[in-house]
Protein backbone atom coordinates (compact mmCIF):
# COMPACT_ATOMS: atom_id res chain seq x y z
CA MET A 1 0.11 -0.17 -0.03
CA ASP A 2 1.49 3.28 -1.12
CA GLU A 3 2.14 5.82 1.79
CA LYS A 4 -0.32 8.60 0.26
CA GLY A 5 -2.37 6.33 -2.14
CA ASP A 6 -5.11 3.85 -2.24
CA GLY A 7 -7.66 6.30 -0.52
CA VAL A 8 -5.10 7.36 2.13
CA VAL A 9 -5.52 11.02 1.24
CA GLY A 10 -8.90 11.28 1.66
CA ARG A 11 -9.17 9.27 4.77
CA VAL A 12 -6.57 11.86 6.12
CA GLU A 13 -8.29 14.88 5.41
CA GLY A 14 -11.41 13.18 6.70
CA LEU A 15 -9.67 12.41 9.98
CA VAL A 16 -8.07 16.07 10.21
CA GLU A 17 -11.61 17.58 9.47
CA ARG A 18 -13.51 15.43 12.47
CA LEU A 19 -10.59 16.13 14.78
CA ALA A 20 -10.93 19.78 13.97
CA GLY A 21 -14.96 19.99 14.16
CA GLY A 22 -14.86 17.84 17.28
CA GLY A 23 -12.78 20.90 18.97
CA TRP A 24 -9.40 18.58 19.27
CA LEU A 25 -7.37 20.12 16.59
CA THR A 26 -7.02 23.79 16.23
CA GLN A 27 -3.14 24.52 15.51
CA GLU A 28 -2.30 24.36 11.90
CA SER A 29 1.19 22.92 12.55
CA VAL A 30 -0.55 20.13 14.14
CA LYS A 31 -2.92 19.80 11.05
CA ALA A 32 0.21 19.68 8.68
CA ALA A 33 1.63 17.05 11.02
CA LEU A 34 -1.17 14.69 10.53
CA ARG A 35 -1.01 15.22 6.90
CA ASP A 36 2.79 14.51 6.54
CA VAL A 37 2.51 11.55 8.96
CA PRO A 38 0.22 8.92 7.77
CA ARG A 39 -1.19 6.78 10.74
CA HIS A 40 -1.41 3.81 8.86
CA LEU A 41 2.12 3.11 8.33
CA PHE A 42 2.23 2.84 12.00
CA ALA A 43 -0.31 0.45 12.41
CA PRO A 44 -0.23 -3.39 12.71
CA VAL A 45 -1.53 -5.64 9.78
CA VAL A 46 -4.16 -6.77 12.02
CA ALA A 47 -5.67 -4.05 13.53
CA TRP A 48 -8.20 -4.28 16.50
CA THR A 49 -9.67 -2.13 19.46
CA GLY A 50 -9.96 -2.74 22.90
CA ASP A 51 -14.03 -2.89 22.20
CA GLY A 52 -13.10 -6.04 19.94
CA ASP A 53 -13.22 -4.45 16.44
CA GLN A 54 -10.77 -6.31 14.46
CA VAL A 55 -9.66 -6.21 10.55
CA SER A 56 -6.91 -7.54 8.53
CA LEU A 57 -4.98 -5.44 6.17
CA GLN A 58 -4.66 -8.78 3.63
CA ASP A 59 -8.54 -9.69 4.05
CA ASP A 60 -10.21 -6.16 4.00
CA PRO A 61 -8.01 -3.42 3.01
CA GLU A 62 -10.58 -0.89 2.92
CA GLY A 63 -11.94 -1.88 6.28
CA TRP A 64 -8.38 -1.86 7.84
CA LEU A 65 -7.76 1.64 6.87
CA ASP A 66 -11.28 2.65 8.01
CA LEU A 67 -10.39 1.61 11.22
CA VAL A 68 -7.04 2.89 11.40
CA TYR A 69 -8.03 6.46 10.38
CA GLY A 70 -10.96 6.06 13.04
CA ASP A 71 -10.43 7.42 16.44
CA ASP A 72 -9.74 4.49 18.38
CA ALA A 73 -6.70 3.40 19.97
CA ILE A 74 -5.49 0.38 18.24
CA ILE A 75 -4.00 -2.30 20.54
CA THR A 76 -0.38 -3.45 19.37
CA GLN A 77 0.80 -5.51 22.27
CA LEU A 78 -0.49 -7.80 25.22
CA ASP A 79 1.11 -8.76 28.61
CA ASP A 80 4.54 -7.16 27.72
CA GLY A 81 4.92 -9.27 24.45
CA ALA A 82 4.29 -12.46 26.15
CA THR A 83 0.86 -13.12 24.58
CA ASP A 84 0.21 -13.23 20.59
CA LEU A 85 -1.40 -10.21 19.96
CA ALA A 86 -3.66 -12.10 17.31
CA SER A 87 -5.35 -13.83 20.17
CA GLY A 88 -7.09 -10.50 21.50
CA GLU A 89 -6.91 -11.85 24.87
CA GLY A 90 -4.77 -10.51 27.52
CA ARG A 91 -3.56 -7.31 29.55
CA PHE A 92 -3.10 -4.31 26.81
CA THR A 93 0.31 -3.08 27.25
CA SER A 94 1.13 -0.78 24.30
CA SER A 95 -0.85 0.84 21.67
CA LEU A 96 -1.27 3.35 18.52
CA SER A 97 -3.03 6.07 20.28
CA ALA A 98 -6.54 7.54 19.45
CA PRO A 99 -5.82 10.49 17.30
CA SER A 100 -7.88 12.81 19.50
CA THR A 101 -5.79 11.97 22.53
CA VAL A 102 -2.58 12.33 20.54
CA VAL A 103 -3.48 15.68 18.99
CA SER A 104 -4.71 16.98 22.54
CA LEU A 105 -1.45 16.63 24.17
CA LEU A 106 0.34 17.71 21.21
CA GLU A 107 -1.47 21.26 21.17
CA LEU A 108 -0.97 21.28 24.99
CA LEU A 109 2.94 20.76 24.32
CA ASP A 110 2.86 23.95 22.22
CA VAL A 111 6.24 23.10 20.25
CA GLU A 112 8.01 25.67 18.07
CA PRO A 113 10.61 24.40 15.49
CA GLY A 114 13.97 24.00 17.09
CA HIS A 115 12.53 23.00 20.50
CA ARG A 116 14.30 19.83 22.15
CA VAL A 117 11.86 17.20 22.94
CA LEU A 118 11.88 14.16 25.26
CA ASP A 119 9.14 11.89 24.06
CA VAL A 120 8.59 9.36 27.03
CA GLY A 121 7.01 6.14 25.32
CA THR A 122 7.92 5.49 21.58
CA GLY A 123 5.24 2.75 20.97
CA THR A 124 4.44 2.59 17.44
CA GLY A 125 6.59 5.81 16.60
CA TRP A 126 3.58 7.67 15.15
CA THR A 127 3.75 10.25 17.92
CA ALA A 128 7.63 10.40 17.69
CA ALA A 129 7.19 11.19 13.66
CA LEU A 130 4.61 13.71 14.53
CA LEU A 131 7.22 15.62 16.97
CA SER A 132 9.69 15.26 14.46
CA HIS A 133 7.67 17.06 11.65
CA LEU A 134 6.91 19.51 14.40
CA VAL A 135 10.42 20.53 15.49
CA GLY A 136 12.80 18.38 13.40
CA SER A 137 13.97 15.18 13.76
CA ALA A 138 17.46 15.99 15.36
CA ASN A 139 15.39 17.84 18.06
CA VAL A 140 13.41 14.70 19.16
CA THR A 141 14.63 11.84 21.58
CA SER A 142 12.21 9.10 22.12
CA VAL A 143 12.45 6.58 25.05
CA GLU A 144 10.77 3.14 25.19
CA VAL A 145 11.24 0.81 27.87
CA ASP A 146 10.33 -2.27 25.54
CA HIS A 147 13.29 -3.41 23.21
CA ALA A 148 10.81 -4.99 20.70
CA VAL A 149 8.46 -2.06 20.77
CA SER A 150 11.41 0.44 19.88
CA GLU A 151 12.87 -1.82 16.94
CA TRP A 152 9.20 -1.88 15.46
CA ALA A 153 8.98 1.76 16.03
CA ALA A 154 12.50 2.32 14.32
CA ALA A 155 11.24 0.31 11.17
CA ASN A 156 8.13 2.29 11.03
CA LEU A 157 9.96 5.57 11.18
CA LYS A 158 12.39 4.99 8.47
CA ARG A 159 9.42 4.33 6.25
CA THR A 160 8.39 7.94 6.66
CA GLY A 161 11.77 9.36 6.66
CA HIS A 162 11.88 10.63 10.07
CA ALA A 163 14.74 9.98 11.89
CA PRO A 164 14.61 10.73 15.80
CA ARG A 165 17.11 9.67 18.54
CA LEU A 166 15.64 6.25 19.80
CA VAL A 167 16.36 5.02 23.16
CA VAL A 168 15.91 2.16 24.82
CA ALA A 169 15.39 2.81 28.58
CA ASP A 170 13.17 3.43 31.50
CA GLY A 171 11.53 6.63 30.54
CA ALA A 172 10.95 7.57 34.26
CA HIS A 173 14.65 8.81 34.44
CA GLY A 174 14.27 10.70 31.30
CA TRP A 175 17.27 11.05 29.23
CA ALA A 176 20.17 12.83 31.03
CA SER A 177 22.43 13.00 27.86
CA GLY A 178 19.93 15.18 25.90
CA VAL A 179 19.55 17.85 28.40
CA PRO A 180 18.39 20.64 28.63
CA PHE A 181 14.99 19.51 27.04
CA ASP A 182 12.45 22.50 26.21
CA ARG A 183 9.43 20.19 26.32
CA VAL A 184 8.64 16.55 27.61
CA HIS A 185 5.76 14.56 26.20
CA ALA A 186 4.62 11.48 27.82
CA THR A 187 2.43 8.90 25.95
CA CYS A 188 1.90 6.81 28.84
CA ALA A 189 0.10 7.52 32.17
CA VAL A 190 2.15 8.13 35.46
CA ALA A 191 0.69 8.25 39.08
CA ARG A 192 3.78 10.29 39.95
CA VAL A 193 5.90 12.92 37.82
CA PRO A 194 9.00 11.75 37.58
CA TYR A 195 11.17 14.70 39.04
CA ALA A 196 13.87 13.61 36.41
CA TRP A 197 11.78 15.10 33.98
CA VAL A 198 11.64 18.34 35.82
CA GLU A 199 15.58 18.45 36.36
CA GLN A 200 16.12 17.72 32.79
CA THR A 201 13.75 20.76 31.32
CA ARG A 202 14.92 24.23 31.27
CA PRO A 203 12.82 26.99 33.04
CA GLY A 204 9.92 28.04 31.41
CA GLY A 205 9.97 24.44 29.31
CA VAL A 206 6.47 22.47 29.67
CA ILE A 207 5.84 19.02 30.38
CA VAL A 208 2.90 17.40 29.14
CA THR A 209 1.47 13.86 30.62
CA PRO A 210 -1.59 11.80 31.18
CA TYR A 211 -1.92 11.25 34.93
CA ALA A 212 -3.57 8.61 36.63
CA PRO A 213 -3.27 8.47 40.62
CA GLY A 214 -5.50 5.33 40.47
CA PHE A 215 -8.59 6.62 41.78
CA GLY A 216 -11.11 6.79 38.92
CA SER A 217 -10.46 9.41 35.87
CA THR A 218 -7.11 9.95 34.13
CA HIS A 219 -6.49 13.28 33.50
CA ASP A 220 -4.41 15.49 31.10
CA LEU A 221 -1.63 17.47 32.74
CA ARG A 222 0.25 20.32 31.52
CA LEU A 223 3.20 21.71 33.96
CA VAL A 224 5.56 24.59 33.60
CA VAL A 225 9.18 24.30 35.15
CA LEU A 226 10.13 27.04 37.15
CA PRO A 227 13.48 28.47 37.87
CA ASP A 228 13.31 27.33 41.47
CA GLY A 229 13.30 23.47 40.41
CA THR A 230 9.82 22.76 40.81
CA ALA A 231 6.90 22.55 38.22
CA VAL A 232 3.62 23.88 38.65
CA GLY A 233 0.42 23.19 36.23
CA ARG A 234 -3.32 22.36 36.03
CA PHE A 235 -5.63 19.44 34.62
CA THR A 236 -7.01 20.21 31.48
CA GLY A 237 -9.16 17.25 30.62
CA TYR A 238 -9.87 13.41 30.03
CA ALA A 239 -6.83 11.25 28.92
CA SER A 240 -6.76 7.54 28.55
CA TYR A 241 -3.44 6.15 28.25
CA MET A 242 -1.81 2.95 29.56
CA MET A 243 0.38 3.11 32.70
CA MET A 244 3.97 3.41 32.78
CA ARG A 245 5.70 0.09 33.46
CA ALA A 246 7.28 1.61 36.44
CA GLN A 247 4.30 3.18 38.01
CA ARG A 248 1.51 0.47 37.12
CA HIS A 249 -1.03 0.14 40.06
CA PRO A 250 -1.49 -3.35 41.59
CA GLU A 251 -4.39 -4.98 40.39
CA TRP A 252 -7.70 -5.87 42.24
CA ASP A 253 -7.24 -9.27 43.98
CA ALA A 254 -10.28 -11.33 43.23
CA SER A 255 -9.29 -13.81 45.91
CA ASP A 256 -11.46 -14.96 48.79
CA ARG A 257 -11.20 -11.86 51.32
CA HIS A 258 -12.60 -11.63 54.90
CA GLY A 259 -13.11 -8.47 56.21
CA GLU A 260 -15.65 -6.52 58.67
CA CYS A 261 -19.12 -6.40 57.06
CA SER A 262 -21.34 -3.37 57.53
CA VAL A 263 -24.23 -1.53 55.56
CA THR A 264 -24.21 2.27 54.41
CA ASP A 265 -27.13 4.21 53.07
CA VAL A 266 -24.51 5.94 50.54
CA ASP A 267 -25.01 4.29 47.09
CA PRO A 268 -21.68 2.96 45.93
CA ARG A 269 -22.20 4.36 42.51
CA THR A 270 -22.26 7.98 44.15
CA ILE A 271 -18.52 7.16 44.77
CA GLY A 272 -17.85 4.80 41.60
CA TYR A 273 -19.50 7.38 39.03
CA ALA A 274 -18.37 10.72 40.68
CA PRO A 275 -16.90 13.43 38.49
CA ALA A 276 -13.53 14.01 37.70
CA GLY A 277 -13.17 16.50 40.25
CA ALA A 278 -14.21 14.61 42.82
CA ASP A 279 -11.98 11.54 41.63
CA LEU A 280 -9.15 14.19 42.04
CA ALA A 281 -10.06 15.20 45.33
CA MET A 282 -10.54 11.60 46.82
CA GLY A 283 -7.29 10.77 45.21
CA ALA A 284 -5.26 13.51 46.91
CA MET A 285 -6.87 12.76 50.20
CA LEU A 286 -5.91 9.13 49.65
CA PRO A 287 -2.78 8.70 47.80
CA GLY A 288 -2.03 5.13 46.54
CA VAL A 289 -5.62 3.84 46.95
CA CYS A 290 -7.05 2.41 43.63
CA ALA A 291 -10.69 2.18 42.87
CA GLY A 292 -12.63 0.35 40.07
CA GLY A 293 -16.07 -0.86 39.84
CA THR A 294 -17.85 -3.53 37.94
CA ARG A 295 -21.26 -3.76 36.90
CA GLU A 296 -23.44 -7.28 37.50
CA GLY A 297 -26.72 -6.94 35.62
CA ASP A 298 -28.50 -4.29 37.18
CA GLY A 299 -26.18 -4.14 40.21
CA TYR A 300 -22.56 -2.67 40.66
CA THR A 301 -19.72 -3.39 43.05
CA LEU A 302 -17.16 -0.80 44.00
CA HIS A 303 -13.70 -2.01 44.66
CA LEU A 304 -11.03 0.01 46.91
CA TRP A 305 -7.48 -1.24 47.78
CA ASP A 306 -3.99 -0.31 48.52
CA ALA A 307 -1.07 -2.26 49.81
CA ASP A 308 -2.47 -3.08 52.85
CA ALA A 309 -6.13 -2.45 53.22
CA TRP A 310 -9.20 -2.98 50.65
CA ALA A 311 -13.14 -2.57 50.74
CA THR A 312 -16.10 -3.67 48.64
CA ALA A 313 -19.28 -1.68 48.52
CA HIS A 314 -22.36 -3.44 46.74
CA TYR A 315 -25.32 -1.65 45.10
CA GLU A 316 -28.55 -3.90 44.47
CA PRO A 317 -31.69 -2.46 42.87
CA GLY A 318 -34.57 -1.92 45.19
CA ARG A 319 -32.37 -1.86 48.35
CA ASP A 320 -32.40 1.08 51.03
CA LEU A 321 -29.25 -0.18 52.74
CA PHE A 322 -25.96 -1.43 51.02
CA GLU A 323 -23.38 -3.74 52.12
CA VAL A 324 -19.91 -3.08 52.79
CA GLU A 325 -16.93 -5.27 53.54
CA GLN A 326 -13.73 -3.70 54.54
CA GLY A 327 -10.24 -5.22 55.60
CA GLY A 328 -6.60 -4.75 56.33
CA GLY A 329 -5.00 -1.65 58.30
CA ARG A 330 -7.55 1.04 57.29
CA ARG A 331 -11.65 1.36 56.62
CA LEU A 332 -11.15 2.47 53.19
CA TRP A 333 -14.98 2.68 52.41
CA ASP A 334 -15.19 5.05 55.46
CA LEU A 335 -12.13 7.06 54.31
CA VAL A 336 -13.33 7.61 50.65
CA VAL A 337 -16.94 8.65 51.67
CA SER A 338 -15.68 11.03 54.15
CA ALA A 339 -13.16 12.35 51.20
CA TYR A 340 -16.16 12.41 48.92
CA PHE A 341 -18.43 14.75 51.28
CA ASP A 342 -15.47 16.99 51.96
CA TRP A 343 -15.35 17.58 48.11
CA VAL A 344 -19.42 18.23 48.02
CA ARG A 345 -18.79 20.58 51.06
CA ARG A 346 -16.34 22.73 49.10
CA ARG A 347 -18.91 23.21 46.31
CA SER A 348 -18.02 20.28 44.36
CA PRO A 349 -14.97 21.95 42.41
CA GLY A 350 -14.58 20.66 38.90
CA ARG A 351 -11.33 19.27 37.29
CA GLU A 352 -10.22 22.50 35.90
CA ARG A 353 -10.15 24.09 39.59
CA PHE A 354 -7.29 21.51 40.37
CA GLY A 355 -3.43 21.70 39.55
CA LEU A 356 -0.28 20.01 40.57
CA THR A 357 3.23 21.15 42.00
CA VAL A 358 6.07 18.86 41.44
CA SER A 359 9.39 19.19 43.11
CA ALA A 360 12.01 16.95 44.79
CA GLY A 361 9.92 15.79 47.42
CA GLY A 362 7.01 14.73 45.40
CA ASP A 363 3.64 15.55 43.89
CA ARG A 364 0.78 17.69 45.49
CA VAL A 365 -2.60 18.15 44.29
CA TRP A 366 -3.67 21.82 45.12
CA LEU A 367 -7.39 23.39 44.47
CA ASP A 368 -7.38 27.01 42.87
CA ARG A 369 -4.04 28.24 43.49
CA PRO A 370 -0.59 26.56 44.04
CA GLY A 371 -0.04 27.86 47.47
CA ASP A 372 -3.40 26.58 49.01
CA ARG A 373 -3.44 23.70 51.50
CA CYS A 374 -6.75 22.58 51.99
CA GLY A 375 -8.04 19.48 53.51
CA GLY A 376 -5.14 17.30 52.63
CA TYR A 377 -5.14 18.43 48.83
């Protein structure tokens, strides 16, 4: 299949128009990059999404292109490469990210020609190629923890004529040999912003990353590095990215658990379906706590867990009280409910009112102004 033949041009233009119409794509430079770097050159020959849509380039080239130029993430690796991708079963560990999420981060990055960019998580190489178009290949260093993934990206990039520096390493450590960077761009979510990124970015430089502390939503985060060696910024919207390997959250352990049983008149869906602002507030009050829910017919179960405690709360239709079970060193359900109503008492601030400061001592979520310390945020 030719780079710009076989209906590719029309599909690229269609993608640009849809992203612009949806408000994702506003910068002319990013539009030009999308036109210069066709997405299909970075897609696997059997493309499938996490929702189960699967098309083979060999069997259905037109359907394959339709899927590739849609707005879905395309899975490119399962279980860190241990599971055959064709099986479609396993943990998603690498992907060709959805175009809307890619362009939203690129626009937050706000690069100029000549900016030196650290790209954390090479993946298929598509974002590294887009960045190469925007700032020049010589100014892009893309770090990938997985050797096989990096090798595939190198082959993809060669086909497009872009040649950023590719490094196989843990992106949490940045890349000290390339400092100072003007921009850091992550294509994987972090629960804690690595301070190495701040140290390796010049004052006034920008760090853009998906932020996923473990509680509920994942968020776009844009930080600016200050002369005092800290970085400060705000959460700008929703993001959906896989976790950085070094920061993956522990999974819910479904083995038999025995804790203290009680009932609550708080519907578990109030916590599980809470908006992004509440997720940020609860996560800030309870660092290290993960939350996840499962639907069971008309019912719903909320799971809460950290290294030494856990809780489950069950919603069942028609009931006035709901079963709760808690175990370990802390009563997580009680703590989460308290954090949720603390957020309500603060007039339910939305995601846009929260921000983050990153220093050598760690991350701190704040409300409204960086100097504010209210309720543990």
